[in-house]
Amino acid sequence: MLKWLLTVLIALLVFGALAPRLRKMGWGRLPGDFRVPVRGRLVYVPFMSTVLLSLGIYLLGKLI
């Protein structure tokens, strides 16, 4: 359980940093991806994209 939580946290940080590039490719527009204005800045929380990518990596790992 702790490994899964840590994996999701790291994936959220990576997606948050890569958000501008990923939005151009179509990622980050899923229901469950949040954009929250904080002090005049837009904070991006790609929760659903992170869950789908983590699930895909998990399934790929199970196949290998």
N, C-alpha and C. Protein backbone atom coordinates (compact mmCIF):
# COMPACT_ATOMS: atom_id res chain seq x y z
N MET A 1 0.82 -1.19 0.00
CA MET A 1 0.00 0.00 0.00
C MET A 1 0.86 1.25 0.00
N LEU A 2 1.92 1.24 0.80
CA LEU A 2 2.80 2.40 0.87
C LEU A 2 3.53 2.62 -0.45
N LYS A 3 3.94 1.52 -1.10
CA LYS A 3 4.62 1.64 -2.39
C LYS A 3 3.69 2.25 -3.43
N TRP A 4 2.43 1.84 -3.44
CA TRP A 4 1.47 2.38 -4.39
C TRP A 4 1.26 3.88 -4.16
N LEU A 5 1.13 4.28 -2.90
CA LEU A 5 0.94 5.69 -2.57
C LEU A 5 2.15 6.52 -2.98
N LEU A 6 3.32 6.01 -2.74
CA LEU A 6 4.55 6.70 -3.12
C LEU A 6 4.65 6.81 -4.64
N THR A 7 4.27 5.77 -5.36
CA THR A 7 4.30 5.79 -6.82
C THR A 7 3.35 6.84 -7.37
N VAL A 8 2.16 6.92 -6.83
CA VAL A 8 1.19 7.92 -7.29
C VAL A 8 1.68 9.32 -6.98
N LEU A 9 2.27 9.53 -5.82
CA LEU A 9 2.79 10.85 -5.46
C LEU A 9 3.90 11.28 -6.41
N ILE A 10 4.82 10.39 -6.71
CA ILE A 10 5.92 10.72 -7.63
C ILE A 10 5.37 10.99 -9.03
N ALA A 11 4.40 10.19 -9.47
CA ALA A 11 3.81 10.40 -10.78
C ALA A 11 3.09 11.74 -10.84
N LEU A 12 2.41 12.14 -9.78
CA LEU A 12 1.76 13.45 -9.74
C LEU A 12 2.77 14.58 -9.87
N LEU A 13 3.89 14.45 -9.20
CA LEU A 13 4.93 15.48 -9.29
C LEU A 13 5.51 15.56 -10.70
N VAL A 14 5.75 14.42 -11.31
CA VAL A 14 6.31 14.40 -12.67
C VAL A 14 5.31 14.98 -13.66
N PHE A 15 4.04 14.54 -13.57
CA PHE A 15 3.02 15.07 -14.47
C PHE A 15 2.81 16.57 -14.27
N GLY A 16 2.86 17.01 -13.04
CA GLY A 16 2.71 18.43 -12.76
C GLY A 16 3.81 19.26 -13.39
N ALA A 17 5.02 18.73 -13.38
CA ALA A 17 6.15 19.45 -13.98
C ALA A 17 6.09 19.42 -15.50
N LEU A 18 5.59 18.34 -16.06
CA LEU A 18 5.54 18.20 -17.52
C LEU A 18 4.20 18.61 -18.12
N ALA A 19 3.35 19.21 -17.34
CA ALA A 19 1.98 19.54 -17.76
C ALA A 19 1.91 20.36 -19.05
N PRO A 20 2.69 21.42 -19.21
CA PRO A 20 2.56 22.21 -20.45
C PRO A 20 2.84 21.39 -21.71
N ARG A 21 3.84 20.55 -21.67
CA ARG A 21 4.17 19.73 -22.85
C ARG A 21 3.12 18.65 -23.07
N LEU A 22 2.63 18.06 -22.00
CA LEU A 22 1.65 16.99 -22.13
C LEU A 22 0.30 17.50 -22.61
N ARG A 23 -0.06 18.73 -22.24
CA ARG A 23 -1.33 19.29 -22.69
C ARG A 23 -1.35 19.46 -24.20
N LYS A 24 -0.20 19.79 -24.81
CA LYS A 24 -0.13 19.93 -26.25
C LYS A 24 -0.36 18.59 -26.95
N MET A 25 -0.02 17.48 -26.26
CA MET A 25 -0.19 16.15 -26.83
C MET A 25 -1.57 15.56 -26.50
N GLY A 26 -2.39 16.25 -25.69
CA GLY A 26 -3.74 15.80 -25.39
C GLY A 26 -3.93 15.24 -23.99
N TRP A 27 -2.86 15.01 -23.25
CA TRP A 27 -2.99 14.52 -21.87
C TRP A 27 -3.42 15.67 -20.97
N GLY A 28 -4.13 15.36 -19.92
CA GLY A 28 -4.50 16.39 -18.95
C GLY A 28 -5.86 16.97 -19.19
N ARG A 29 -6.59 16.44 -20.12
CA ARG A 29 -7.94 16.94 -20.38
C ARG A 29 -8.99 15.93 -19.96
N LEU A 30 -8.62 14.98 -19.17
CA LEU A 30 -9.55 13.96 -18.71
C LEU A 30 -10.37 14.48 -17.53
N PRO A 31 -11.58 13.93 -17.36
CA PRO A 31 -12.33 14.28 -16.15
C PRO A 31 -11.56 13.77 -14.93
N GLY A 32 -11.33 14.60 -13.97
CA GLY A 32 -10.56 14.21 -12.80
C GLY A 32 -9.20 14.88 -12.76
N ASP A 33 -8.81 15.56 -13.84
CA ASP A 33 -7.60 16.38 -13.85
C ASP A 33 -8.01 17.79 -13.44
N PHE A 34 -7.39 18.30 -12.41
CA PHE A 34 -7.81 19.57 -11.83
C PHE A 34 -6.82 20.68 -12.14
N ARG A 35 -7.37 21.87 -12.37
CA ARG A 35 -6.57 23.10 -12.49
C ARG A 35 -7.10 24.05 -11.42
N VAL A 36 -6.27 24.41 -10.46
CA VAL A 36 -6.71 25.19 -9.31
C VAL A 36 -5.95 26.51 -9.30
N PRO A 37 -6.64 27.65 -9.35
CA PRO A 37 -5.94 28.94 -9.24
C PRO A 37 -5.55 29.23 -7.79
N VAL A 38 -4.26 29.50 -7.58
CA VAL A 38 -3.75 29.82 -6.25
C VAL A 38 -2.87 31.06 -6.37
N ARG A 39 -3.30 32.14 -5.75
CA ARG A 39 -2.57 33.41 -5.75
C ARG A 39 -2.18 33.87 -7.15
N GLY A 40 -3.10 33.77 -8.07
CA GLY A 40 -2.86 34.24 -9.42
C GLY A 40 -2.12 33.25 -10.32
N ARG A 41 -1.74 32.10 -9.80
CA ARG A 41 -1.06 31.08 -10.60
C ARG A 41 -2.00 29.90 -10.75
N LEU A 42 -1.83 29.17 -11.82
CA LEU A 42 -2.65 28.00 -12.08
C LEU A 42 -1.87 26.75 -11.69
N VAL A 43 -2.35 26.03 -10.67
CA VAL A 43 -1.71 24.80 -10.20
C VAL A 43 -2.44 23.64 -10.86
N TYR A 44 -1.68 22.77 -11.50
CA TYR A 44 -2.24 21.66 -12.26
C TYR A 44 -2.07 20.37 -11.48
N VAL A 45 -3.18 19.64 -11.26
CA VAL A 45 -3.17 18.36 -10.55
C VAL A 45 -3.75 17.29 -11.48
N PRO A 46 -2.89 16.53 -12.17
CA PRO A 46 -3.38 15.55 -13.16
C PRO A 46 -3.72 14.21 -12.51
N PHE A 47 -4.72 14.17 -11.67
CA PHE A 47 -5.02 12.96 -10.90
C PHE A 47 -5.43 11.79 -11.79
N MET A 48 -6.40 11.98 -12.66
CA MET A 48 -6.91 10.87 -13.47
C MET A 48 -5.87 10.41 -14.49
N SER A 49 -5.11 11.33 -15.06
CA SER A 49 -4.04 10.94 -15.98
C SER A 49 -3.00 10.10 -15.25
N THR A 50 -2.70 10.45 -14.02
CA THR A 50 -1.74 9.69 -13.22
C THR A 50 -2.25 8.28 -12.93
N VAL A 51 -3.53 8.18 -12.60
CA VAL A 51 -4.11 6.87 -12.32
C VAL A 51 -4.07 5.98 -13.56
N LEU A 52 -4.44 6.53 -14.70
CA LEU A 52 -4.43 5.74 -15.94
C LEU A 52 -3.02 5.32 -16.34
N LEU A 53 -2.06 6.23 -16.23
CA LEU A 53 -0.68 5.89 -16.57
C LEU A 53 -0.12 4.85 -15.60
N SER A 54 -0.42 4.98 -14.33
CA SER A 54 0.05 4.01 -13.33
C SER A 54 -0.57 2.64 -13.60
N LEU A 55 -1.83 2.61 -13.95
CA LEU A 55 -2.49 1.35 -14.27
C LEU A 55 -1.87 0.70 -15.51
N GLY A 56 -1.57 1.51 -16.51
CA GLY A 56 -0.93 1.00 -17.71
C GLY A 56 0.45 0.43 -17.43
N ILE A 57 1.22 1.12 -16.61
CA ILE A 57 2.57 0.64 -16.26
C ILE A 57 2.47 -0.64 -15.43
N TYR A 58 1.49 -0.71 -14.55
CA TYR A 58 1.28 -1.91 -13.73
C TYR A 58 0.95 -3.10 -14.62
N LEU A 59 0.02 -2.91 -15.55
CA LEU A 59 -0.35 -4.01 -16.44
C LEU A 59 0.80 -4.43 -17.34
N LEU A 60 1.58 -3.48 -17.79
CA LEU A 60 2.77 -3.79 -18.59
C LEU A 60 3.77 -4.60 -17.77
N GLY A 61 3.93 -4.24 -16.51
CA GLY A 61 4.82 -4.98 -15.62
C GLY A 61 4.35 -6.39 -15.36
N LYS A 62 3.05 -6.58 -15.29
CA LYS A 62 2.50 -7.93 -15.07
C LYS A 62 2.69 -8.80 -16.32
N LEU A 63 2.64 -8.19 -17.49
CA LEU A 63 2.83 -8.96 -18.73
C LEU A 63 4.27 -9.39 -18.92
N ILE A 64 5.18 -8.58 -18.45
CA ILE A 64 6.61 -8.89 -18.60
C ILE A 64 7.00 -9.78 -17.47
